[in-house]
Amino acid sequence: MFFLTFDFQLSTTMNLHTIDTGFFKLDGGAMFGVVPKTIWNRTNPADENNLCTWAMRCLLVEDGDRLILIDTGIVSGKRFSQG
């Protein structure tokens, strides 16, 4: 699995970090609708089953002594709660 971190400093007290957490596949035709495959297949090539690979990423925000994790990935049925 490939992990890449991109760091971007907004100010002296806040930093943003992207964290690659994995990949998933979706049907290319469903994702792009009426856009012809010859157009979207250039930037998002489909496999033999017409599935395109997409990345899941989280955003880690460092603000002083606080860390905030924003998860924009797929929910698998389990919900996280504060305990």
C-alpha atoms as a PDB file:
ATOM      1  CA  MET A   1       0.000   0.000   0.000  1.00  0.00           C
ATOM      2  CA  PHE A   2       1.244   3.488  -0.831  1.00  0.00           C
ATOM      3  CA  PHE A   3       1.042   6.303   1.718  1.00  0.00           C
ATOM      4  CA  LEU A   4       1.796   9.904   0.857  1.00  0.00           C
ATOM      5  CA  THR A   5       1.757  12.868   3.197  1.00  0.00           C
ATOM      6  CA  PHE A   6       1.457  16.406   1.880  1.00  0.00           C
ATOM      7  CA  ASP A   7       2.214  19.184   4.348  1.00  0.00           C
ATOM      8  CA  PHE A   8       0.918  22.717   3.927  1.00  0.00           C
ATOM      9  CA  GLN A   9       1.469  25.462   6.468  1.00  0.00           C
ATOM     10  CA  LEU A  10      -1.354  28.018   6.720  1.00  0.00           C
ATOM     11  CA  SER A  11       0.106  30.134   9.498  1.00  0.00           C
ATOM     12  CA  THR A  12       2.596  29.887  12.327  1.00  0.00           C
ATOM     13  CA  THR A  13       0.122  27.897  14.441  1.00  0.00           C
ATOM     14  CA  MET A  14      -1.899  25.791  11.941  1.00  0.00           C
ATOM     15  CA  ASN A  15      -0.647  22.998   9.667  1.00  0.00           C
ATOM     16  CA  LEU A  16      -2.612  20.751   7.288  1.00  0.00           C
ATOM     17  CA  HIS A  17      -1.526  17.204   6.433  1.00  0.00           C
ATOM     18  CA  THR A  18      -3.237  14.893   3.943  1.00  0.00           C
ATOM     19  CA  ILE A  19      -3.016  11.199   4.766  1.00  0.00           C
ATOM     20  CA  ASP A  20      -3.704   8.599   2.081  1.00  0.00           C
ATOM     21  CA  THR A  21      -5.618   5.774   3.753  1.00  0.00           C
ATOM     22  CA  GLY A  22      -6.285   3.450   0.837  1.00  0.00           C
ATOM     23  CA  PHE A  23      -8.055   3.003  -2.466  1.00  0.00           C
ATOM     24  CA  PHE A  24     -11.458   1.801  -3.670  1.00  0.00           C
ATOM     25  CA  LYS A  25     -13.067   1.103  -7.045  1.00  0.00           C
ATOM     26  CA  LEU A  26     -16.299   2.410  -8.547  1.00  0.00           C
ATOM     27  CA  ASP A  27     -17.978   1.893 -11.908  1.00  0.00           C
ATOM     28  CA  GLY A  28     -16.681   4.505 -14.335  1.00  0.00           C
ATOM     29  CA  GLY A  29     -19.974   4.877 -16.192  1.00  0.00           C
ATOM     30  CA  ALA A  30     -21.855   5.552 -12.962  1.00  0.00           C
ATOM     31  CA  MET A  31     -19.254   8.091 -11.834  1.00  0.00           C
ATOM     32  CA  PHE A  32     -19.145  10.136 -15.036  1.00  0.00           C
ATOM     33  CA  GLY A  33     -22.693   9.664 -16.347  1.00  0.00           C
ATOM     34  CA  VAL A  34     -23.190  11.012 -19.871  1.00  0.00           C
ATOM     35  CA  VAL A  35     -19.541  12.018 -20.345  1.00  0.00           C
ATOM     36  CA  PRO A  36     -18.062   9.741 -23.035  1.00  0.00           C
ATOM     37  CA  LYS A  37     -15.617   7.108 -21.786  1.00  0.00           C
ATOM     38  CA  THR A  38     -13.011   8.305 -24.312  1.00  0.00           C
ATOM     39  CA  ILE A  39     -12.804  11.582 -22.360  1.00  0.00           C
ATOM     40  CA  TRP A  40     -12.768  10.400 -18.717  1.00  0.00           C
ATOM     41  CA  ASN A  41     -10.650   7.312 -19.431  1.00  0.00           C
ATOM     42  CA  ARG A  42      -7.648   9.577 -20.197  1.00  0.00           C
ATOM     43  CA  THR A  43      -7.371  10.841 -16.613  1.00  0.00           C
ATOM     44  CA  ASN A  44      -9.106   7.956 -14.784  1.00  0.00           C
ATOM     45  CA  PRO A  45      -8.368   4.738 -16.677  1.00  0.00           C
ATOM     46  CA  ALA A  46     -10.821   1.890 -16.124  1.00  0.00           C
ATOM     47  CA  ASP A  47      -9.873  -1.758 -15.655  1.00  0.00           C
ATOM     48  CA  GLU A  48     -11.343  -4.696 -17.615  1.00  0.00           C
ATOM     49  CA  ASN A  49     -14.545  -4.476 -15.490  1.00  0.00           C
ATOM     50  CA  ASN A  50     -14.953  -0.723 -16.215  1.00  0.00           C
ATOM     51  CA  LEU A  51     -13.969   0.139 -12.615  1.00  0.00           C
ATOM     52  CA  CYS A  52     -11.924   3.250 -11.822  1.00  0.00           C
ATOM     53  CA  THR A  53      -9.574   3.418  -8.837  1.00  0.00           C
ATOM     54  CA  TRP A  54     -10.150   6.267  -6.367  1.00  0.00           C
ATOM     55  CA  ALA A  55      -8.107   7.352  -3.357  1.00  0.00           C
ATOM     56  CA  MET A  56      -9.399   7.855   0.176  1.00  0.00           C
ATOM     57  CA  ARG A  57      -7.761  10.632   2.172  1.00  0.00           C
ATOM     58  CA  CYS A  58      -7.988  12.059   5.665  1.00  0.00           C
ATOM     59  CA  LEU A  59      -7.056  15.592   6.631  1.00  0.00           C
ATOM     60  CA  LEU A  60      -5.053  16.144   9.826  1.00  0.00           C
ATOM     61  CA  VAL A  61      -5.186  19.692  11.167  1.00  0.00           C
ATOM     62  CA  GLU A  62      -2.594  20.810  13.719  1.00  0.00           C
ATOM     63  CA  ASP A  63      -3.730  23.961  15.498  1.00  0.00           C
ATOM     64  CA  GLY A  64      -1.451  24.813  18.385  1.00  0.00           C
ATOM     65  CA  ASP A  65      -1.818  21.945  20.850  1.00  0.00           C
ATOM     66  CA  ARG A  66      -4.948  20.534  19.130  1.00  0.00           C
ATOM     67  CA  LEU A  67      -5.045  17.749  16.538  1.00  0.00           C
ATOM     68  CA  ILE A  68      -8.192  17.425  14.416  1.00  0.00           C
ATOM     69  CA  LEU A  69      -8.659  14.437  12.101  1.00  0.00           C
ATOM     70  CA  ILE A  70     -11.213  14.865   9.314  1.00  0.00           C
ATOM     71  CA  ASP A  71     -12.105  11.521   7.744  1.00  0.00           C
ATOM     72  CA  THR A  72     -13.647  11.821   4.279  1.00  0.00           C
ATOM     73  CA  GLY A  73     -13.512   8.103   3.477  1.00  0.00           C
ATOM     74  CA  ILE A  74     -16.073   5.359   3.116  1.00  0.00           C
ATOM     75  CA  VAL A  75     -18.319   4.378   6.015  1.00  0.00           C
ATOM     76  CA  SER A  76     -18.517   0.609   6.423  1.00  0.00           C
ATOM     77  CA  GLY A  77     -21.606   0.554   8.630  1.00  0.00           C
ATOM     78  CA  LYS A  78     -19.813   1.245  11.910  1.00  0.00           C
ATOM     79  CA  ARG A  79     -20.126   4.696  13.413  1.00  0.00           C
ATOM     80  CA  PHE A  80     -17.510   6.156  15.702  1.00  0.00           C
ATOM     81  CA  SER A  81     -18.601   7.881  18.880  1.00  0.00           C
ATOM     82  CA  GLN A  82     -16.884   9.644  21.710  1.00  0.00           C
ATOM     83  CA  GLY A  83     -16.540   7.323  24.646  1.00  0.00           C
END
